[in-house]
Amino acid sequence: MGSASGLVIGVSLVFYLVAFGLSLGAMAKRSKGDLTEVDGDAGTLQCQYTSDIATGLAAGAFVFLLVAQTFVMIVTRCFCCGSGYKPGAARTCAFIVFIFSWVSFIVASAALLAGATQNKIQTKGLFSSTGPDITCKQVQKSLFAAAAAFTFITTILTEVSYVLITMSQTGEPWQSYHSGPSVNMAAYT
């Protein structure tokens, strides 16, 4: 594989940044519900929601996140199917960062999908204003914020993982110069 490709890093970074931006957009545009009085019926309330654009933004962020993660895994051959990896610090660090990148990817995906489905759920029906405290269901802002944060963490970990995997395929820089002992004393015996 050689060294880390700038094209692979650039393409995957664009997909990750789009996913990050869409998750921030979903956080800003999540549905909010307000209790309003029903026309012509005093004392009866209903939940009036803003637009449902956050569901589409969260779903789009998930798709871009999935495409970016899949792209990097195909290029690196998922760390388990690639050519031989040279022993050393790069391989060990690559494996550790690889595991953490997948954990953060799963958390980001779960948060995006949960936010998208919860944003779609809206309180329906009419309520009496004399009843108990009435609230309109809405997604917590922190759910989309967590999705954006873990998308950003996934971006960093996956890019570092890619660079470390390519380093472990070429070996450490000092391993390419010497294949055996570095001192040759045969001429002096």
C-alpha atoms as a PDB file:
ATOM      1  CA  MET A   1       0.000   0.000   0.000  1.00  0.00           C
ATOM      2  CA  GLY A   2       2.895   2.378   0.589  1.00  0.00           C
ATOM      3  CA  SER A   3       2.237   5.622   2.380  1.00  0.00           C
ATOM      4  CA  ALA A   4      -1.035   7.252   3.348  1.00  0.00           C
ATOM      5  CA  SER A   5      -2.828   8.619   0.304  1.00  0.00           C
ATOM      6  CA  GLY A   6      -3.868  12.254   0.409  1.00  0.00           C
ATOM      7  CA  LEU A   7      -6.774  11.454  -1.887  1.00  0.00           C
ATOM      8  CA  VAL A   8      -8.177   8.827   0.500  1.00  0.00           C
ATOM      9  CA  ILE A   9      -7.776  11.160   3.463  1.00  0.00           C
ATOM     10  CA  GLY A  10      -9.377  14.052   1.550  1.00  0.00           C
ATOM     11  CA  VAL A  11     -12.379  12.097   0.248  1.00  0.00           C
ATOM     12  CA  SER A  12     -13.127  10.485   3.585  1.00  0.00           C
ATOM     13  CA  LEU A  13     -12.647  13.782   5.404  1.00  0.00           C
ATOM     14  CA  VAL A  14     -15.202  15.469   3.130  1.00  0.00           C
ATOM     15  CA  PHE A  15     -17.777  12.752   3.857  1.00  0.00           C
ATOM     16  CA  TYR A  16     -17.098  12.936   7.604  1.00  0.00           C
ATOM     17  CA  LEU A  17     -17.356  16.731   7.644  1.00  0.00           C
ATOM     18  CA  VAL A  18     -20.659  16.634   5.752  1.00  0.00           C
ATOM     19  CA  ALA A  19     -21.960  14.116   8.308  1.00  0.00           C
ATOM     20  CA  PHE A  20     -20.758  16.364  11.134  1.00  0.00           C
ATOM     21  CA  GLY A  21     -22.418  19.428   9.580  1.00  0.00           C
ATOM     22  CA  LEU A  22     -25.694  17.594   9.017  1.00  0.00           C
ATOM     23  CA  SER A  23     -25.748  16.384  12.623  1.00  0.00           C
ATOM     24  CA  LEU A  24     -25.190  19.961  13.817  1.00  0.00           C
ATOM     25  CA  GLY A  25     -28.000  21.057  11.491  1.00  0.00           C
ATOM     26  CA  ALA A  26     -30.277  18.387  12.966  1.00  0.00           C
ATOM     27  CA  MET A  27     -29.499  19.706  16.433  1.00  0.00           C
ATOM     28  CA  ALA A  28     -30.413  23.254  15.393  1.00  0.00           C
ATOM     29  CA  LYS A  29     -33.546  22.312  13.429  1.00  0.00           C
ATOM     30  CA  ARG A  30     -35.087  19.697  15.717  1.00  0.00           C
ATOM     31  CA  SER A  31     -38.877  19.780  16.049  1.00  0.00           C
ATOM     32  CA  LYS A  32     -40.192  21.864  18.899  1.00  0.00           C
ATOM     33  CA  GLY A  33     -43.738  21.650  20.170  1.00  0.00           C
ATOM     34  CA  ASP A  34     -45.853  24.430  21.618  1.00  0.00           C
ATOM     35  CA  LEU A  35     -49.283  24.132  23.185  1.00  0.00           C
ATOM     36  CA  THR A  36     -51.818  26.171  21.261  1.00  0.00           C
ATOM     37  CA  GLU A  37     -55.515  26.654  21.737  1.00  0.00           C
ATOM     38  CA  VAL A  38     -57.786  24.944  19.206  1.00  0.00           C
ATOM     39  CA  ASP A  39     -59.736  27.392  17.055  1.00  0.00           C
ATOM     40  CA  GLY A  40     -63.354  27.678  18.111  1.00  0.00           C
ATOM     41  CA  ASP A  41     -62.984  25.487  21.207  1.00  0.00           C
ATOM     42  CA  ALA A  42     -61.908  27.464  24.264  1.00  0.00           C
ATOM     43  CA  GLY A  43     -60.057  25.465  26.865  1.00  0.00           C
ATOM     44  CA  THR A  44     -58.884  22.756  24.465  1.00  0.00           C
ATOM     45  CA  LEU A  45     -55.194  22.587  23.657  1.00  0.00           C
ATOM     46  CA  GLN A  46     -53.118  20.742  21.076  1.00  0.00           C
ATOM     47  CA  CYS A  47     -49.398  20.472  20.322  1.00  0.00           C
ATOM     48  CA  GLN A  48     -48.287  22.509  17.346  1.00  0.00           C
ATOM     49  CA  TYR A  49     -44.884  21.386  15.988  1.00  0.00           C
ATOM     50  CA  THR A  50     -42.308  23.159  13.879  1.00  0.00           C
ATOM     51  CA  SER A  51     -41.047  21.565  10.663  1.00  0.00           C
ATOM     52  CA  ASP A  52     -39.673  18.022  10.724  1.00  0.00           C
ATOM     53  CA  ILE A  53     -36.442  18.750   8.856  1.00  0.00           C
ATOM     54  CA  ALA A  54     -34.170  17.371  11.607  1.00  0.00           C
ATOM     55  CA  THR A  55     -35.237  13.799  10.837  1.00  0.00           C
ATOM     56  CA  GLY A  56     -33.966  14.094   7.275  1.00  0.00           C
ATOM     57  CA  LEU A  57     -30.778  15.845   8.389  1.00  0.00           C
ATOM     58  CA  ALA A  58     -30.023  13.122  10.943  1.00  0.00           C
ATOM     59  CA  ALA A  59     -30.719  10.382   8.400  1.00  0.00           C
ATOM     60  CA  GLY A  60     -28.463  12.138   5.894  1.00  0.00           C
ATOM     61  CA  ALA A  61     -25.719  12.468   8.501  1.00  0.00           C
ATOM     62  CA  PHE A  62     -25.979   8.742   9.185  1.00  0.00           C
ATOM     63  CA  VAL A  63     -25.678   7.918   5.472  1.00  0.00           C
ATOM     64  CA  PHE A  64     -22.599  10.141   5.010  1.00  0.00           C
ATOM     65  CA  LEU A  65     -21.026   8.724   8.178  1.00  0.00           C
ATOM     66  CA  LEU A  66     -21.658   5.174   6.972  1.00  0.00           C
ATOM     67  CA  VAL A  67     -20.257   5.893   3.493  1.00  0.00           C
ATOM     68  CA  ALA A  68     -17.102   7.480   4.930  1.00  0.00           C
ATOM     69  CA  GLN A  69     -16.499   4.635   7.378  1.00  0.00           C
ATOM     70  CA  THR A  70     -17.113   2.013   4.687  1.00  0.00           C
ATOM     71  CA  PHE A  71     -14.821   3.810   2.235  1.00  0.00           C
ATOM     72  CA  VAL A  72     -11.902   3.855   4.673  1.00  0.00           C
ATOM     73  CA  MET A  73     -12.506   0.234   5.651  1.00  0.00           C
ATOM     74  CA  ILE A  74     -12.508  -0.849   1.987  1.00  0.00           C
ATOM     75  CA  VAL A  75      -9.293   1.050   1.285  1.00  0.00           C
ATOM     76  CA  THR A  76      -7.530  -0.423   4.326  1.00  0.00           C
ATOM     77  CA  ARG A  77      -9.149  -3.815   3.821  1.00  0.00           C
ATOM     78  CA  CYS A  78     -10.648  -3.557   7.304  1.00  0.00           C
ATOM     79  CA  PHE A  79      -7.327  -4.209   9.068  1.00  0.00           C
ATOM     80  CA  CYS A  80      -8.042  -7.939   9.116  1.00  0.00           C
ATOM     81  CA  CYS A  81      -7.959  -8.788   5.402  1.00  0.00           C
ATOM     82  CA  GLY A  82      -5.007  -6.691   4.292  1.00  0.00           C
ATOM     83  CA  SER A  83      -1.506  -7.720   3.398  1.00  0.00           C
ATOM     84  CA  GLY A  84       0.933  -8.630   6.120  1.00  0.00           C
ATOM     85  CA  TYR A  85       1.444  -6.066   8.803  1.00  0.00           C
ATOM     86  CA  LYS A  86       4.905  -5.564  10.209  1.00  0.00           C
ATOM     87  CA  PRO A  87       5.224  -5.962  13.966  1.00  0.00           C
ATOM     88  CA  GLY A  88       5.820  -2.767  15.836  1.00  0.00           C
ATOM     89  CA  ALA A  89       4.270   0.229  17.467  1.00  0.00           C
ATOM     90  CA  ALA A  90       2.375   1.298  14.335  1.00  0.00           C
ATOM     91  CA  ARG A  91       0.495  -2.005  14.130  1.00  0.00           C
ATOM     92  CA  THR A  92      -0.344  -2.023  17.831  1.00  0.00           C
ATOM     93  CA  CYS A  93      -1.527   1.586  17.817  1.00  0.00           C
ATOM     94  CA  ALA A  94      -3.427   1.018  14.565  1.00  0.00           C
ATOM     95  CA  PHE A  95      -5.337  -1.872  16.103  1.00  0.00           C
ATOM     96  CA  ILE A  96      -6.224   0.086  19.250  1.00  0.00           C
ATOM     97  CA  VAL A  97      -7.310   3.191  17.318  1.00  0.00           C
ATOM     98  CA  PHE A  98      -9.210   0.978  14.848  1.00  0.00           C
ATOM     99  CA  ILE A  99     -11.277  -0.545  17.702  1.00  0.00           C
ATOM    100  CA  PHE A 100     -11.995   2.865  19.243  1.00  0.00           C
ATOM    101  CA  SER A 101     -12.995   4.301  15.864  1.00  0.00           C
ATOM    102  CA  TRP A 102     -15.587   1.562  15.438  1.00  0.00           C
ATOM    103  CA  VAL A 103     -16.912   2.070  18.968  1.00  0.00           C
ATOM    104  CA  SER A 104     -17.326   5.805  18.362  1.00  0.00           C
ATOM    105  CA  PHE A 105     -18.909   5.082  14.960  1.00  0.00           C
ATOM    106  CA  ILE A 106     -21.496   2.797  16.591  1.00  0.00           C
ATOM    107  CA  VAL A 107     -22.294   5.401  19.264  1.00  0.00           C
ATOM    108  CA  ALA A 108     -22.608   8.195  16.658  1.00  0.00           C
ATOM    109  CA  SER A 109     -24.822   6.036  14.445  1.00  0.00           C
ATOM    110  CA  ALA A 110     -27.049   5.033  17.346  1.00  0.00           C
ATOM    111  CA  ALA A 111     -27.430   8.644  18.460  1.00  0.00           C
ATOM    112  CA  LEU A 112     -28.266   9.810  14.922  1.00  0.00           C
ATOM    113  CA  LEU A 113     -30.817   7.060  14.340  1.00  0.00           C
ATOM    114  CA  ALA A 114     -32.386   7.511  17.788  1.00  0.00           C
ATOM    115  CA  GLY A 115     -32.609  11.260  17.253  1.00  0.00           C
ATOM    116  CA  ALA A 116     -34.166  10.812  13.822  1.00  0.00           C
ATOM    117  CA  THR A 117     -36.834   8.423  15.110  1.00  0.00           C
ATOM    118  CA  GLN A 118     -37.580  10.417  18.255  1.00  0.00           C
ATOM    119  CA  ASN A 119     -37.854  13.626  16.264  1.00  0.00           C
ATOM    120  CA  LYS A 120     -40.533  11.965  14.146  1.00  0.00           C
ATOM    121  CA  ILE A 121     -42.671  11.093  17.207  1.00  0.00           C
ATOM    122  CA  GLN A 122     -45.119  13.874  17.962  1.00  0.00           C
ATOM    123  CA  THR A 123     -47.816  14.185  20.580  1.00  0.00           C
ATOM    124  CA  LYS A 124     -51.197  13.863  18.943  1.00  0.00           C
ATOM    125  CA  GLY A 125     -54.654  14.595  20.289  1.00  0.00           C
ATOM    126  CA  LEU A 126     -56.486  17.331  22.085  1.00  0.00           C
ATOM    127  CA  PHE A 127     -56.078  18.168  25.749  1.00  0.00           C
ATOM    128  CA  SER A 128     -58.193  19.977  28.265  1.00  0.00           C
ATOM    129  CA  SER A 129     -56.511  23.042  29.716  1.00  0.00           C
ATOM    130  CA  THR A 130     -57.841  22.085  33.153  1.00  0.00           C
ATOM    131  CA  GLY A 131     -56.065  18.703  33.106  1.00  0.00           C
ATOM    132  CA  PRO A 132     -52.667  17.837  34.547  1.00  0.00           C
ATOM    133  CA  ASP A 133     -49.479  19.396  33.248  1.00  0.00           C
ATOM    134  CA  ILE A 134     -49.349  18.817  29.517  1.00  0.00           C
ATOM    135  CA  THR A 135     -46.090  18.765  27.600  1.00  0.00           C
ATOM    136  CA  CYS A 136     -45.341  18.191  23.967  1.00  0.00           C
ATOM    137  CA  LYS A 137     -42.818  15.451  23.179  1.00  0.00           C
ATOM    138  CA  GLN A 138     -39.597  16.671  21.634  1.00  0.00           C
ATOM    139  CA  VAL A 139     -36.051  15.397  21.225  1.00  0.00           C
ATOM    140  CA  GLN A 140     -33.477  16.583  23.697  1.00  0.00           C
ATOM    141  CA  LYS A 141     -30.883  18.845  22.111  1.00  0.00           C
ATOM    142  CA  SER A 142     -28.142  16.814  23.781  1.00  0.00           C
ATOM    143  CA  LEU A 143     -28.936  13.719  21.692  1.00  0.00           C
ATOM    144  CA  PHE A 144     -28.009  15.434  18.430  1.00  0.00           C
ATOM    145  CA  ALA A 145     -25.077  17.155  20.182  1.00  0.00           C
ATOM    146  CA  ALA A 146     -23.751  13.750  21.258  1.00  0.00           C
ATOM    147  CA  ALA A 147     -24.195  12.475  17.709  1.00  0.00           C
ATOM    148  CA  ALA A 148     -22.193  15.424  16.364  1.00  0.00           C
ATOM    149  CA  ALA A 149     -19.464  14.964  18.980  1.00  0.00           C
ATOM    150  CA  PHE A 150     -19.084  11.256  18.288  1.00  0.00           C
ATOM    151  CA  THR A 151     -19.116  11.911  14.543  1.00  0.00           C
ATOM    152  CA  PHE A 152     -16.179  14.264  15.056  1.00  0.00           C
ATOM    153  CA  ILE A 153     -14.372  11.723  17.267  1.00  0.00           C
ATOM    154  CA  THR A 154     -14.986   9.021  14.644  1.00  0.00           C
ATOM    155  CA  THR A 155     -13.492  11.300  12.007  1.00  0.00           C
ATOM    156  CA  ILE A 156     -10.286  11.830  13.940  1.00  0.00           C
ATOM    157  CA  LEU A 157      -9.895   8.202  15.027  1.00  0.00           C
ATOM    158  CA  THR A 158     -10.582   6.768  11.578  1.00  0.00           C
ATOM    159  CA  GLU A 159      -8.134   9.113   9.851  1.00  0.00           C
ATOM    160  CA  VAL A 160      -5.432   8.312  12.424  1.00  0.00           C
ATOM    161  CA  SER A 161      -6.246   4.612  12.080  1.00  0.00           C
ATOM    162  CA  TYR A 162      -5.839   4.831   8.306  1.00  0.00           C
ATOM    163  CA  VAL A 163      -2.422   6.503   8.597  1.00  0.00           C
ATOM    164  CA  LEU A 164      -1.245   3.990  11.205  1.00  0.00           C
ATOM    165  CA  ILE A 165      -2.452   1.029   9.142  1.00  0.00           C
ATOM    166  CA  THR A 166      -0.521   2.270   6.124  1.00  0.00           C
ATOM    167  CA  MET A 167       2.539   2.758   8.323  1.00  0.00           C
ATOM    168  CA  SER A 168       2.250  -0.773   9.653  1.00  0.00           C
ATOM    169  CA  GLN A 169       2.065  -2.155   6.125  1.00  0.00           C
ATOM    170  CA  THR A 170       5.326  -0.485   5.144  1.00  0.00           C
ATOM    171  CA  GLY A 171       6.982  -1.135   8.479  1.00  0.00           C
ATOM    172  CA  GLU A 172       8.733   1.254  10.782  1.00  0.00           C
ATOM    173  CA  PRO A 173      11.276   3.540   9.079  1.00  0.00           C
ATOM    174  CA  TRP A 174      14.223   1.985  10.887  1.00  0.00           C
ATOM    175  CA  GLN A 175      13.147  -1.568   9.922  1.00  0.00           C
ATOM    176  CA  SER A 176      13.628  -0.958   6.207  1.00  0.00           C
ATOM    177  CA  TYR A 177      17.344  -0.242   6.582  1.00  0.00           C
ATOM    178  CA  HIS A 178      18.406  -3.287   8.576  1.00  0.00           C
ATOM    179  CA  SER A 179      17.137  -6.817   8.395  1.00  0.00           C
ATOM    180  CA  GLY A 180      19.498  -8.261  10.969  1.00  0.00           C
ATOM    181  CA  PRO A 181      22.135  -7.223  13.451  1.00  0.00           C
ATOM    182  CA  SER A 182      23.463  -3.779  12.795  1.00  0.00           C
ATOM    183  CA  VAL A 183      27.111  -4.460  13.687  1.00  0.00           C
ATOM    184  CA  ASN A 184      29.128  -6.707  11.375  1.00  0.00           C
ATOM    185  CA  MET A 185      32.269  -7.950  13.136  1.00  0.00           C
ATOM    186  CA  ALA A 186      33.105 -10.761  10.667  1.00  0.00           C
ATOM    187  CA  ALA A 187      36.033  -8.899   9.081  1.00  0.00           C
ATOM    188  CA  TYR A 188      37.843  -8.550  12.416  1.00  0.00           C
ATOM    189  CA  THR A 189      37.883 -12.209  13.488  1.00  0.00           C
END
